[in-house]
Amino acid sequence: MRLFGRKDDELFLLLNESARTVVRGGDILKNVVNDYNELDLKMARLTAMEHEGDRIIQDLVRRLHTSFILPFDREDAFQLVQKLASTLDYVTGIIDRMILYKAGEPDIRVKEMVEVLYTSITLQEKALKLLDQVEKNKKEIVECCAEITRLEKRQDSLYRNSLAYLFDNEKDPVAIIKWREVYEHIEMAQDYVEDVAELITNIVVKYS
C-alpha cells in the first residue's frame, strides 16, 4: 500500500527534493573540507543551492497549507519540513563559517565529523525515498533511522573530543572561537538529522 496517493505525488517529490538538496549541501561541504581551494567558486555553488533549497521549502509549506487531506498527520508533516530546512541551514552554516571566517584548512577532526554527518544525511534521503511504500519498506526505513541514531552518538563523542583537543592545543583565542562554531554547527546539523529520523520512525509506526 502506498502512503502517498496520486494527489500527494507533488508533496512526496518535494520532500525528496528537499532531502536531496541537503545531500547536495553535504557534497559541497565534503569538497570544502577535503580540498580547501577555489573557495569563491564553492561559495557561489553554495549560494545557488541555498536559493533552490528555500524555493523547495516554500513549495512544501504552500502544498501543506492547501491540502485538506495529507498522507500523515499535518503536525508531523510540518515538523518534517521544518527539520529538513533547519538541517540545510546548519549544513550551509558550516561552510559559511569555514569560508567567511577564514578559519583555515580543516584538520582530521573536522573531516571525521563531516564524514559522519554526510553519511547521516544520505541515510535520511534514503529513508524518505522509501517512505511512500511504508509497509513494504518498513524494515529498511527503520534500519536507516536506527543507523542515524547510532551515528548521532558517534558525532557526540567526536564533538566532545574535538573541543577538548582544540582547547588543549590551540593558543589563538580567535581561532578557538572560529573552530568551536564550526564544531557546533556540525553537531547541530547532526541533531536535526536525528530529529528527522525520529519523525520518520514515528510515521512508520503509525501507518504500517
N, C-alpha and C. Protein backbone atom coordinates (compact mmCIF):
# COMPACT_ATOMS: atom_id res chain seq x y z
N MET A 1 0.84 -1.19 0.00
CA MET A 1 0.00 0.00 0.00
C MET A 1 0.88 1.25 0.00
N ARG A 2 0.50 2.21 -0.82
CA ARG A 2 1.25 3.47 -0.87
C ARG A 2 0.76 4.41 0.22
N LEU A 3 1.71 5.04 0.89
CA LEU A 3 1.35 6.07 1.86
C LEU A 3 0.89 7.32 1.14
N PHE A 4 1.55 7.65 0.03
CA PHE A 4 1.21 8.83 -0.76
C PHE A 4 0.36 8.41 -1.96
N GLY A 5 -0.87 8.93 -2.03
CA GLY A 5 -1.71 8.68 -3.19
C GLY A 5 -1.33 9.60 -4.33
N ARG A 6 -2.09 9.49 -5.44
CA ARG A 6 -1.78 10.31 -6.61
C ARG A 6 -1.81 11.80 -6.30
N LYS A 7 -2.78 12.19 -5.49
CA LYS A 7 -2.93 13.61 -5.16
C LYS A 7 -1.76 14.12 -4.32
N ASP A 8 -1.01 13.18 -3.73
CA ASP A 8 0.10 13.56 -2.86
C ASP A 8 1.46 13.47 -3.56
N ASP A 9 1.45 13.14 -4.86
CA ASP A 9 2.73 12.94 -5.56
C ASP A 9 3.62 14.17 -5.47
N GLU A 10 3.03 15.37 -5.59
CA GLU A 10 3.82 16.59 -5.53
C GLU A 10 4.49 16.73 -4.17
N LEU A 11 3.75 16.44 -3.11
CA LEU A 11 4.30 16.51 -1.76
C LEU A 11 5.46 15.53 -1.60
N PHE A 12 5.27 14.31 -2.04
CA PHE A 12 6.31 13.29 -1.93
C PHE A 12 7.57 13.70 -2.70
N LEU A 13 7.38 14.21 -3.92
CA LEU A 13 8.52 14.65 -4.72
C LEU A 13 9.25 15.83 -4.07
N LEU A 14 8.49 16.75 -3.50
CA LEU A 14 9.10 17.90 -2.85
C LEU A 14 9.89 17.50 -1.61
N LEU A 15 9.35 16.56 -0.82
CA LEU A 15 10.09 16.06 0.33
C LEU A 15 11.42 15.44 -0.09
N ASN A 16 11.36 14.68 -1.17
CA ASN A 16 12.58 14.05 -1.66
C ASN A 16 13.55 15.06 -2.25
N GLU A 17 13.01 16.08 -2.92
CA GLU A 17 13.87 17.15 -3.44
C GLU A 17 14.56 17.87 -2.29
N SER A 18 13.82 18.10 -1.21
CA SER A 18 14.40 18.79 -0.07
C SER A 18 15.53 17.96 0.54
N ALA A 19 15.30 16.67 0.72
CA ALA A 19 16.34 15.79 1.26
C ALA A 19 17.54 15.73 0.32
N ARG A 20 17.28 15.75 -0.99
CA ARG A 20 18.36 15.72 -1.97
C ARG A 20 19.17 17.02 -1.92
N THR A 21 18.51 18.13 -1.68
CA THR A 21 19.21 19.41 -1.57
C THR A 21 20.15 19.41 -0.36
N VAL A 22 19.70 18.80 0.74
CA VAL A 22 20.58 18.68 1.91
C VAL A 22 21.82 17.88 1.55
N VAL A 23 21.65 16.80 0.79
CA VAL A 23 22.79 15.99 0.37
C VAL A 23 23.71 16.79 -0.54
N ARG A 24 23.13 17.60 -1.42
CA ARG A 24 23.95 18.45 -2.28
C ARG A 24 24.77 19.43 -1.45
N GLY A 25 24.16 19.97 -0.40
CA GLY A 25 24.92 20.81 0.52
C GLY A 25 26.04 20.03 1.17
N GLY A 26 25.75 18.77 1.51
CA GLY A 26 26.78 17.90 2.08
C GLY A 26 27.91 17.63 1.10
N ASP A 27 27.56 17.51 -0.18
CA ASP A 27 28.60 17.32 -1.21
C ASP A 27 29.57 18.50 -1.24
N ILE A 28 29.01 19.71 -1.18
CA ILE A 28 29.85 20.92 -1.18
C ILE A 28 30.70 20.95 0.09
N LEU A 29 30.09 20.61 1.22
CA LEU A 29 30.80 20.60 2.50
C LEU A 29 31.98 19.63 2.45
N LYS A 30 31.75 18.41 1.98
CA LYS A 30 32.84 17.43 1.88
C LYS A 30 33.94 17.94 0.96
N ASN A 31 33.54 18.58 -0.13
CA ASN A 31 34.51 19.11 -1.06
C ASN A 31 35.38 20.19 -0.42
N VAL A 32 34.74 21.03 0.39
CA VAL A 32 35.49 22.10 1.06
C VAL A 32 36.50 21.52 2.06
N VAL A 33 36.06 20.55 2.88
CA VAL A 33 36.96 20.05 3.92
C VAL A 33 38.08 19.18 3.35
N ASN A 34 37.86 18.59 2.18
CA ASN A 34 38.88 17.73 1.59
C ASN A 34 39.73 18.41 0.53
N ASP A 35 39.28 19.56 0.05
CA ASP A 35 40.03 20.30 -0.96
C ASP A 35 39.81 21.79 -0.72
N TYR A 36 40.68 22.36 0.11
CA TYR A 36 40.50 23.75 0.56
C TYR A 36 41.05 24.73 -0.48
N ASN A 37 40.48 24.65 -1.69
CA ASN A 37 40.88 25.52 -2.80
C ASN A 37 39.61 26.00 -3.51
N GLU A 38 39.76 27.05 -4.33
CA GLU A 38 38.65 27.60 -5.11
C GLU A 38 37.43 27.88 -4.24
N LEU A 39 37.66 28.51 -3.11
CA LEU A 39 36.58 28.73 -2.14
C LEU A 39 35.51 29.68 -2.67
N ASP A 40 35.89 30.65 -3.49
CA ASP A 40 34.90 31.57 -4.07
C ASP A 40 33.92 30.81 -4.96
N LEU A 41 34.44 29.90 -5.75
CA LEU A 41 33.58 29.09 -6.62
C LEU A 41 32.64 28.22 -5.79
N LYS A 42 33.16 27.63 -4.75
CA LYS A 42 32.35 26.77 -3.90
C LYS A 42 31.30 27.58 -3.15
N MET A 43 31.65 28.80 -2.77
CA MET A 43 30.68 29.67 -2.10
C MET A 43 29.56 30.04 -3.06
N ALA A 44 29.88 30.26 -4.32
CA ALA A 44 28.85 30.58 -5.32
C ALA A 44 27.91 29.38 -5.51
N ARG A 45 28.47 28.19 -5.55
CA ARG A 45 27.64 26.97 -5.66
C ARG A 45 26.74 26.83 -4.44
N LEU A 46 27.29 27.14 -3.29
CA LEU A 46 26.52 27.05 -2.05
C LEU A 46 25.34 28.03 -2.07
N THR A 47 25.58 29.26 -2.51
CA THR A 47 24.53 30.28 -2.56
C THR A 47 23.40 29.85 -3.49
N ALA A 48 23.76 29.32 -4.65
CA ALA A 48 22.74 28.85 -5.61
C ALA A 48 21.94 27.69 -5.01
N MET A 49 22.64 26.79 -4.32
CA MET A 49 21.96 25.66 -3.72
C MET A 49 21.02 26.10 -2.59
N GLU A 50 21.44 27.11 -1.81
CA GLU A 50 20.59 27.66 -0.75
C GLU A 50 19.29 28.22 -1.32
N HIS A 51 19.39 28.96 -2.42
CA HIS A 51 18.20 29.53 -3.05
C HIS A 51 17.25 28.43 -3.52
N GLU A 52 17.82 27.38 -4.10
CA GLU A 52 16.99 26.25 -4.55
C GLU A 52 16.33 25.57 -3.36
N GLY A 53 17.08 25.40 -2.28
CA GLY A 53 16.51 24.78 -1.09
C GLY A 53 15.38 25.60 -0.50
N ASP A 54 15.55 26.92 -0.47
CA ASP A 54 14.49 27.81 0.03
C ASP A 54 13.23 27.71 -0.82
N ARG A 55 13.41 27.61 -2.13
CA ARG A 55 12.26 27.50 -3.03
C ARG A 55 11.49 26.21 -2.76
N ILE A 56 12.22 25.12 -2.58
CA ILE A 56 11.57 23.83 -2.33
C ILE A 56 10.80 23.87 -1.01
N ILE A 57 11.40 24.44 0.02
CA ILE A 57 10.72 24.53 1.32
C ILE A 57 9.46 25.38 1.21
N GLN A 58 9.53 26.50 0.48
CA GLN A 58 8.35 27.34 0.29
C GLN A 58 7.24 26.58 -0.43
N ASP A 59 7.63 25.80 -1.44
CA ASP A 59 6.64 24.99 -2.17
C ASP A 59 6.03 23.93 -1.26
N LEU A 60 6.86 23.34 -0.41
CA LEU A 60 6.35 22.33 0.52
C LEU A 60 5.34 22.94 1.49
N VAL A 61 5.67 24.09 2.05
CA VAL A 61 4.77 24.75 3.00
C VAL A 61 3.47 25.13 2.31
N ARG A 62 3.56 25.65 1.09
CA ARG A 62 2.35 26.00 0.32
C ARG A 62 1.50 24.76 0.10
N ARG A 63 2.15 23.65 -0.25
CA ARG A 63 1.43 22.40 -0.50
C ARG A 63 0.73 21.91 0.77
N LEU A 64 1.40 22.03 1.88
CA LEU A 64 0.80 21.58 3.14
C LEU A 64 -0.38 22.46 3.55
N HIS A 65 -0.28 23.77 3.31
CA HIS A 65 -1.35 24.69 3.67
C HIS A 65 -2.58 24.53 2.77
N THR A 66 -2.38 24.07 1.55
CA THR A 66 -3.50 23.99 0.61
C THR A 66 -4.10 22.59 0.51
N SER A 67 -3.53 21.63 1.25
CA SER A 67 -4.06 20.27 1.21
C SER A 67 -5.02 20.06 2.38
N PHE A 68 -6.22 19.62 2.05
CA PHE A 68 -7.20 19.33 3.10
C PHE A 68 -6.92 17.97 3.73
N ILE A 69 -6.40 17.04 2.92
CA ILE A 69 -6.10 15.69 3.40
C ILE A 69 -4.64 15.41 3.09
N LEU A 70 -3.90 14.96 4.10
CA LEU A 70 -2.50 14.63 3.92
C LEU A 70 -2.29 13.14 4.19
N PRO A 71 -1.20 12.56 3.66
CA PRO A 71 -0.97 11.13 3.88
C PRO A 71 -0.60 10.79 5.32
N PHE A 72 -0.21 11.78 6.12
CA PHE A 72 0.04 11.57 7.54
C PHE A 72 -0.28 12.86 8.28
N ASP A 73 -0.19 12.84 9.60
CA ASP A 73 -0.63 13.96 10.42
C ASP A 73 -0.01 15.28 9.96
N ARG A 74 -0.83 16.32 9.93
CA ARG A 74 -0.36 17.64 9.48
C ARG A 74 0.80 18.13 10.37
N GLU A 75 0.69 17.89 11.68
CA GLU A 75 1.75 18.31 12.59
C GLU A 75 3.07 17.60 12.25
N ASP A 76 2.99 16.29 11.98
CA ASP A 76 4.19 15.55 11.59
C ASP A 76 4.77 16.10 10.29
N ALA A 77 3.90 16.43 9.36
CA ALA A 77 4.35 16.94 8.06
C ALA A 77 5.08 18.27 8.22
N PHE A 78 4.50 19.18 8.99
CA PHE A 78 5.14 20.48 9.19
C PHE A 78 6.47 20.33 9.94
N GLN A 79 6.50 19.46 10.93
CA GLN A 79 7.76 19.24 11.66
C GLN A 79 8.83 18.68 10.74
N LEU A 80 8.44 17.77 9.88
CA LEU A 80 9.38 17.17 8.93
C LEU A 80 9.98 18.24 8.02
N VAL A 81 9.14 19.11 7.50
CA VAL A 81 9.61 20.19 6.62
C VAL A 81 10.52 21.14 7.39
N GLN A 82 10.13 21.51 8.60
CA GLN A 82 10.94 22.44 9.40
C GLN A 82 12.30 21.85 9.74
N LYS A 83 12.33 20.56 10.08
CA LYS A 83 13.60 19.93 10.44
C LYS A 83 14.51 19.81 9.22
N LEU A 84 13.95 19.50 8.07
CA LEU A 84 14.76 19.44 6.85
C LEU A 84 15.34 20.81 6.53
N ALA A 85 14.53 21.85 6.69
CA ALA A 85 15.01 23.22 6.43
C ALA A 85 16.12 23.59 7.39
N SER A 86 15.96 23.23 8.67
CA SER A 86 16.98 23.55 9.66
C SER A 86 18.28 22.78 9.40
N THR A 87 18.15 21.53 8.96
CA THR A 87 19.35 20.75 8.63
C THR A 87 20.14 21.43 7.52
N LEU A 88 19.43 21.87 6.49
CA LEU A 88 20.09 22.57 5.38
C LEU A 88 20.74 23.86 5.87
N ASP A 89 20.04 24.60 6.73
CA ASP A 89 20.59 25.85 7.27
C ASP A 89 21.91 25.60 7.99
N TYR A 90 21.97 24.55 8.78
CA TYR A 90 23.19 24.28 9.54
C TYR A 90 24.31 23.73 8.65
N VAL A 91 23.95 22.93 7.66
CA VAL A 91 24.97 22.45 6.72
C VAL A 91 25.62 23.62 5.99
N THR A 92 24.78 24.53 5.50
CA THR A 92 25.33 25.71 4.81
C THR A 92 26.06 26.61 5.80
N GLY A 93 25.59 26.65 7.06
CA GLY A 93 26.26 27.46 8.07
C GLY A 93 27.67 26.98 8.36
N ILE A 94 27.89 25.67 8.30
CA ILE A 94 29.24 25.12 8.49
C ILE A 94 30.18 25.69 7.43
N ILE A 95 29.73 25.63 6.19
CA ILE A 95 30.57 26.11 5.08
C ILE A 95 30.77 27.61 5.17
N ASP A 96 29.69 28.32 5.47
CA ASP A 96 29.79 29.79 5.65
C ASP A 96 30.91 30.14 6.62
N ARG A 97 30.90 29.48 7.76
CA ARG A 97 31.87 29.83 8.79
C ARG A 97 33.30 29.46 8.39
N MET A 98 33.47 28.34 7.74
CA MET A 98 34.83 27.97 7.34
C MET A 98 35.38 28.92 6.28
N ILE A 99 34.51 29.36 5.37
CA ILE A 99 34.97 30.22 4.28
C ILE A 99 35.02 31.68 4.71
N LEU A 100 33.92 32.19 5.27
CA LEU A 100 33.85 33.61 5.61
C LEU A 100 34.75 33.97 6.79
N TYR A 101 34.89 33.05 7.75
CA TYR A 101 35.76 33.32 8.89
C TYR A 101 37.24 33.12 8.57
N LYS A 102 37.49 32.52 7.36
CA LYS A 102 38.88 32.19 7.00
C LYS A 102 39.54 31.41 8.15
N ALA A 103 38.83 30.37 8.56
CA ALA A 103 39.28 29.58 9.71
C ALA A 103 40.54 28.77 9.41
N GLY A 104 40.81 28.54 8.14
CA GLY A 104 41.98 27.75 7.76
C GLY A 104 41.59 26.36 7.31
N GLU A 105 42.58 25.62 6.85
CA GLU A 105 42.29 24.28 6.31
C GLU A 105 41.82 23.35 7.42
N PRO A 106 40.72 22.63 7.19
CA PRO A 106 40.18 21.74 8.23
C PRO A 106 41.14 20.60 8.56
N ASP A 107 41.16 20.20 9.84
CA ASP A 107 42.02 19.10 10.26
C ASP A 107 41.25 17.79 10.25
N ILE A 108 41.91 16.74 10.71
CA ILE A 108 41.32 15.40 10.66
C ILE A 108 40.05 15.31 11.49
N ARG A 109 39.97 16.07 12.59
CA ARG A 109 38.77 16.02 13.44
C ARG A 109 37.56 16.57 12.72
N VAL A 110 37.72 17.69 12.02
CA VAL A 110 36.62 18.25 11.24
C VAL A 110 36.21 17.29 10.13
N LYS A 111 37.19 16.68 9.48
CA LYS A 111 36.88 15.74 8.40
C LYS A 111 36.11 14.54 8.90
N GLU A 112 36.47 14.04 10.07
CA GLU A 112 35.75 12.90 10.65
C GLU A 112 34.31 13.28 10.98
N MET A 113 34.13 14.45 11.58
CA MET A 113 32.79 14.91 11.93
C MET A 113 31.92 15.10 10.69
N VAL A 114 32.50 15.68 9.65
CA VAL A 114 31.75 15.90 8.41
C VAL A 114 31.40 14.58 7.74
N GLU A 115 32.29 13.60 7.81
CA GLU A 115 32.01 12.29 7.22
C GLU A 115 30.82 11.62 7.89
N VAL A 116 30.77 11.72 9.23
CA VAL A 116 29.64 11.16 9.97
C VAL A 116 28.34 11.87 9.58
N LEU A 117 28.39 13.19 9.51
CA LEU A 117 27.21 13.97 9.12
C LEU A 117 26.76 13.60 7.71
N TYR A 118 27.71 13.50 6.79
CA TYR A 118 27.35 13.20 5.40
C TYR A 118 26.69 11.82 5.28
N THR A 119 27.25 10.84 5.97
CA THR A 119 26.64 9.51 5.95
C THR A 119 25.21 9.58 6.47
N SER A 120 24.98 10.38 7.49
CA SER A 120 23.65 10.51 8.09
C SER A 120 22.65 11.16 7.14
N ILE A 121 23.07 12.20 6.42
CA ILE A 121 22.11 12.87 5.53
C ILE A 121 21.81 12.03 4.29
N THR A 122 22.75 11.17 3.89
CA THR A 122 22.44 10.25 2.78
C THR A 122 21.44 9.18 3.25
N LEU A 123 21.57 8.73 4.49
CA LEU A 123 20.60 7.79 5.04
C LEU A 123 19.23 8.45 5.18
N GLN A 124 19.23 9.73 5.55
CA GLN A 124 17.97 10.48 5.65
C GLN A 124 17.27 10.53 4.30
N GLU A 125 18.02 10.83 3.26
CA GLU A 125 17.44 10.87 1.92
C GLU A 125 16.88 9.49 1.53
N LYS A 126 17.64 8.44 1.83
CA LYS A 126 17.19 7.08 1.51
C LYS A 126 15.90 6.73 2.22
N ALA A 127 15.81 7.05 3.52
CA ALA A 127 14.61 6.74 4.30
C ALA A 127 13.39 7.46 3.74
N LEU A 128 13.55 8.73 3.35
CA LEU A 128 12.42 9.48 2.80
C LEU A 128 11.99 8.91 1.45
N LYS A 129 12.92 8.46 0.64
CA LYS A 129 12.57 7.86 -0.65
C LYS A 129 11.76 6.59 -0.45
N LEU A 130 12.06 5.85 0.62
CA LEU A 130 11.38 4.58 0.88
C LEU A 130 10.02 4.77 1.54
N LEU A 131 9.73 5.97 2.01
CA LEU A 131 8.56 6.21 2.85
C LEU A 131 7.24 6.00 2.11
N ASP A 132 7.24 6.17 0.79
CA ASP A 132 5.99 6.02 0.05
C ASP A 132 5.42 4.61 0.22
N GLN A 133 6.25 3.60 0.05
CA GLN A 133 5.81 2.21 0.22
C GLN A 133 6.13 1.79 1.66
N VAL A 134 5.42 2.37 2.60
CA VAL A 134 5.79 2.24 4.00
C VAL A 134 5.69 0.80 4.50
N GLU A 135 4.66 0.06 4.11
CA GLU A 135 4.51 -1.32 4.57
C GLU A 135 5.62 -2.21 4.02
N LYS A 136 5.86 -2.07 2.74
CA LYS A 136 6.88 -2.87 2.06
C LYS A 136 8.28 -2.56 2.57
N ASN A 137 8.54 -1.29 2.85
CA ASN A 137 9.90 -0.84 3.16
C ASN A 137 10.14 -0.60 4.65
N LYS A 138 9.18 -1.01 5.48
CA LYS A 138 9.25 -0.69 6.92
C LYS A 138 10.59 -1.07 7.54
N LYS A 139 11.04 -2.29 7.32
CA LYS A 139 12.27 -2.77 7.96
C LYS A 139 13.47 -1.92 7.53
N GLU A 140 13.56 -1.64 6.23
CA GLU A 140 14.70 -0.88 5.73
C GLU A 140 14.68 0.58 6.23
N ILE A 141 13.48 1.16 6.29
CA ILE A 141 13.36 2.54 6.80
C ILE A 141 13.81 2.60 8.26
N VAL A 142 13.32 1.67 9.07
CA VAL A 142 13.67 1.65 10.50
C VAL A 142 15.17 1.43 10.67
N GLU A 143 15.76 0.59 9.84
CA GLU A 143 17.22 0.36 9.91
C GLU A 143 17.99 1.63 9.58
N CYS A 144 17.55 2.36 8.56
CA CYS A 144 18.19 3.64 8.22
C CYS A 144 18.14 4.60 9.40
N CYS A 145 16.97 4.70 10.02
CA CYS A 145 16.79 5.64 11.13
C CYS A 145 17.59 5.21 12.36
N ALA A 146 17.66 3.90 12.60
CA ALA A 146 18.45 3.40 13.73
C ALA A 146 19.94 3.69 13.53
N GLU A 147 20.40 3.58 12.29
CA GLU A 147 21.80 3.88 11.99
C GLU A 147 22.09 5.38 12.17
N ILE A 148 21.13 6.22 11.83
CA ILE A 148 21.29 7.67 12.06
C ILE A 148 21.43 7.95 13.55
N THR A 149 20.64 7.27 14.37
CA THR A 149 20.74 7.44 15.82
C THR A 149 22.11 6.99 16.33
N ARG A 150 22.60 5.88 15.80
CA ARG A 150 23.93 5.41 16.19
C ARG A 150 25.00 6.43 15.80
N LEU A 151 24.87 6.99 14.61
CA LEU A 151 25.84 7.97 14.14
C LEU A 151 25.78 9.26 14.97
N GLU A 152 24.59 9.61 15.46
CA GLU A 152 24.48 10.80 16.30
C GLU A 152 25.29 10.63 17.58
N LYS A 153 25.27 9.42 18.14
CA LYS A 153 26.07 9.15 19.33
C LYS A 153 27.56 9.22 19.01
N ARG A 154 27.93 8.72 17.84
CA ARG A 154 29.31 8.83 17.39
C ARG A 154 29.71 10.29 17.22
N GLN A 155 28.80 11.10 16.68
CA GLN A 155 29.09 12.51 16.49
C GLN A 155 29.27 13.22 17.83
N ASP A 156 28.45 12.87 18.80
CA ASP A 156 28.59 13.48 20.14
C ASP A 156 29.99 13.26 20.68
N SER A 157 30.50 12.04 20.52
CA SER A 157 31.83 11.71 21.01
C SER A 157 32.90 12.50 20.26
N LEU A 158 32.77 12.57 18.94
CA LEU A 158 33.72 13.33 18.14
C LEU A 158 33.70 14.81 18.52
N TYR A 159 32.51 15.34 18.76
CA TYR A 159 32.35 16.74 19.12
C TYR A 159 33.07 17.05 20.44
N ARG A 160 32.84 16.23 21.42
CA ARG A 160 33.48 16.46 22.73
C ARG A 160 35.00 16.33 22.62
N ASN A 161 35.46 15.32 21.92
CA ASN A 161 36.90 15.11 21.79
C ASN A 161 37.56 16.24 20.99
N SER A 162 36.85 16.72 19.97
CA SER A 162 37.41 17.80 19.15
C SER A 162 37.52 19.09 19.95
N LEU A 163 36.49 19.38 20.74
CA LEU A 163 36.56 20.57 21.59
C LEU A 163 37.70 20.47 22.60
N ALA A 164 37.84 19.30 23.21
CA ALA A 164 38.91 19.11 24.18
C ALA A 164 40.27 19.32 23.53
N TYR A 165 40.44 18.77 22.35
CA TYR A 165 41.72 18.92 21.63
C TYR A 165 41.95 20.39 21.29
N LEU A 166 40.90 21.06 20.84
CA LEU A 166 41.01 22.47 20.46
C LEU A 166 41.49 23.32 21.65
N PHE A 167 40.84 23.16 22.79
CA PHE A 167 41.19 23.97 23.96
C PHE A 167 42.57 23.60 24.53
N ASP A 168 42.98 22.36 24.34
CA ASP A 168 44.28 21.93 24.86
C ASP A 168 45.44 22.36 23.97
N ASN A 169 45.17 22.52 22.66
CA ASN A 169 46.29 22.69 21.73
C ASN A 169 46.31 24.02 20.98
N GLU A 170 45.17 24.70 20.88
CA GLU A 170 45.14 25.97 20.14
C GLU A 170 45.38 27.13 21.10
N LYS A 171 46.37 27.95 20.78
CA LYS A 171 46.73 29.07 21.65
C LYS A 171 46.06 30.39 21.24
N ASP A 172 45.60 30.46 20.00
CA ASP A 172 44.98 31.69 19.50
C ASP A 172 43.50 31.69 19.88
N PRO A 173 43.05 32.61 20.74
CA PRO A 173 41.64 32.62 21.17
C PRO A 173 40.66 32.86 20.02
N VAL A 174 41.07 33.63 19.01
CA VAL A 174 40.19 33.87 17.86
C VAL A 174 39.99 32.57 17.08
N ALA A 175 41.06 31.82 16.89
CA ALA A 175 40.96 30.53 16.20
C ALA A 175 40.07 29.57 16.97
N ILE A 176 40.16 29.60 18.28
CA ILE A 176 39.31 28.74 19.12
C ILE A 176 37.83 29.07 18.88
N ILE A 177 37.50 30.36 18.87
CA ILE A 177 36.11 30.79 18.64
C ILE A 177 35.63 30.33 17.27
N LYS A 178 36.46 30.51 16.24
CA LYS A 178 36.06 30.14 14.88
C LYS A 178 35.79 28.64 14.76
N TRP A 179 36.72 27.82 15.24
CA TRP A 179 36.55 26.37 15.09
C TRP A 179 35.47 25.82 16.01
N ARG A 180 35.31 26.43 17.17
CA ARG A 180 34.23 25.98 18.06
C ARG A 180 32.88 26.17 17.37
N GLU A 181 32.69 27.28 16.67
CA GLU A 181 31.43 27.50 15.95
C GLU A 181 31.24 26.47 14.84
N VAL A 182 32.32 26.12 14.15
CA VAL A 182 32.23 25.09 13.11
C VAL A 182 31.80 23.77 13.73
N TYR A 183 32.46 23.37 14.83
CA TYR A 183 32.09 22.12 15.50
C TYR A 183 30.63 22.14 15.94
N GLU A 184 30.21 23.27 16.51
CA GLU A 184 28.83 23.37 17.00
C GLU A 184 27.82 23.25 15.88
N HIS A 185 28.13 23.83 14.72
CA HIS A 185 27.21 23.74 13.59
C HIS A 185 27.13 22.32 13.04
N ILE A 186 28.24 21.61 13.04
CA ILE A 186 28.20 20.20 12.62
C ILE A 186 27.33 19.41 13.59
N GLU A 187 27.54 19.62 14.88
CA GLU A 187 26.76 18.91 15.89
C GLU A 187 25.27 19.24 15.78
N MET A 188 24.92 20.51 15.56
CA MET A 188 23.51 20.89 15.44
C MET A 188 22.88 20.29 14.19
N ALA A 189 23.61 20.29 13.07
CA ALA A 189 23.09 19.66 11.85
C ALA A 189 22.80 18.19 12.11
N GLN A 190 23.71 17.52 12.83
CA GLN A 190 23.53 16.11 13.16
C GLN A 190 22.28 15.92 14.02
N ASP A 191 22.05 16.81 14.97
CA ASP A 191 20.88 16.70 15.83
C ASP A 191 19.58 16.80 15.02
N TYR A 192 19.57 17.69 14.04
CA TYR A 192 18.36 17.83 13.22
C TYR A 192 18.14 16.61 12.33
N VAL A 193 19.21 16.00 11.86
CA VAL A 193 19.06 14.76 11.08
C VAL A 193 18.45 13.68 11.96
N GLU A 194 18.91 13.60 13.21
CA GLU A 194 18.32 12.62 14.12
C GLU A 194 16.85 12.93 14.39
N ASP A 195 16.50 14.21 14.51
CA ASP A 195 15.09 14.58 14.69
C ASP A 195 14.24 14.10 13.52
N VAL A 196 14.76 14.27 12.30
CA VAL A 196 14.04 13.80 11.11
C VAL A 196 13.87 12.28 11.17
N ALA A 197 14.92 11.58 11.57
CA ALA A 197 14.86 10.12 11.68
C ALA A 197 13.79 9.69 12.68
N GLU A 198 13.69 10.39 13.80
CA GLU A 198 12.66 10.07 14.80
C GLU A 198 11.26 10.30 14.24
N LEU A 199 11.09 11.40 13.51
CA LEU A 199 9.79 11.67 12.88
C LEU A 199 9.41 10.59 11.87
N ILE A 200 10.38 10.20 11.05
CA ILE A 200 10.12 9.16 10.05
C ILE A 200 9.76 7.84 10.75
N THR A 201 10.47 7.50 11.80
CA THR A 201 10.18 6.27 12.55
C THR A 201 8.76 6.32 13.12
N ASN A 202 8.36 7.45 13.66
CA ASN A 202 7.01 7.60 14.21
C ASN A 202 5.95 7.44 13.12
N ILE A 203 6.22 8.01 11.95
CA ILE A 203 5.28 7.88 10.83
C ILE A 203 5.14 6.42 10.43
N VAL A 204 6.26 5.71 10.38
CA VAL A 204 6.25 4.28 10.02
C VAL A 204 5.42 3.49 11.02
N VAL A 205 5.61 3.77 12.31
CA VAL A 205 4.86 3.06 13.34
C VAL A 205 3.37 3.33 13.23
N LYS A 206 3.00 4.57 12.94
CA LYS A 206 1.58 4.94 12.84
C LYS A 206 0.89 4.33 11.62
N TYR A 207 1.60 4.26 10.50
CA TYR A 207 0.92 3.98 9.24
C TYR A 207 1.30 2.64 8.60
N SER A 208 2.05 1.81 9.30
CA SER A 208 2.37 0.48 8.73
C SER A 208 1.62 -0.60 9.49
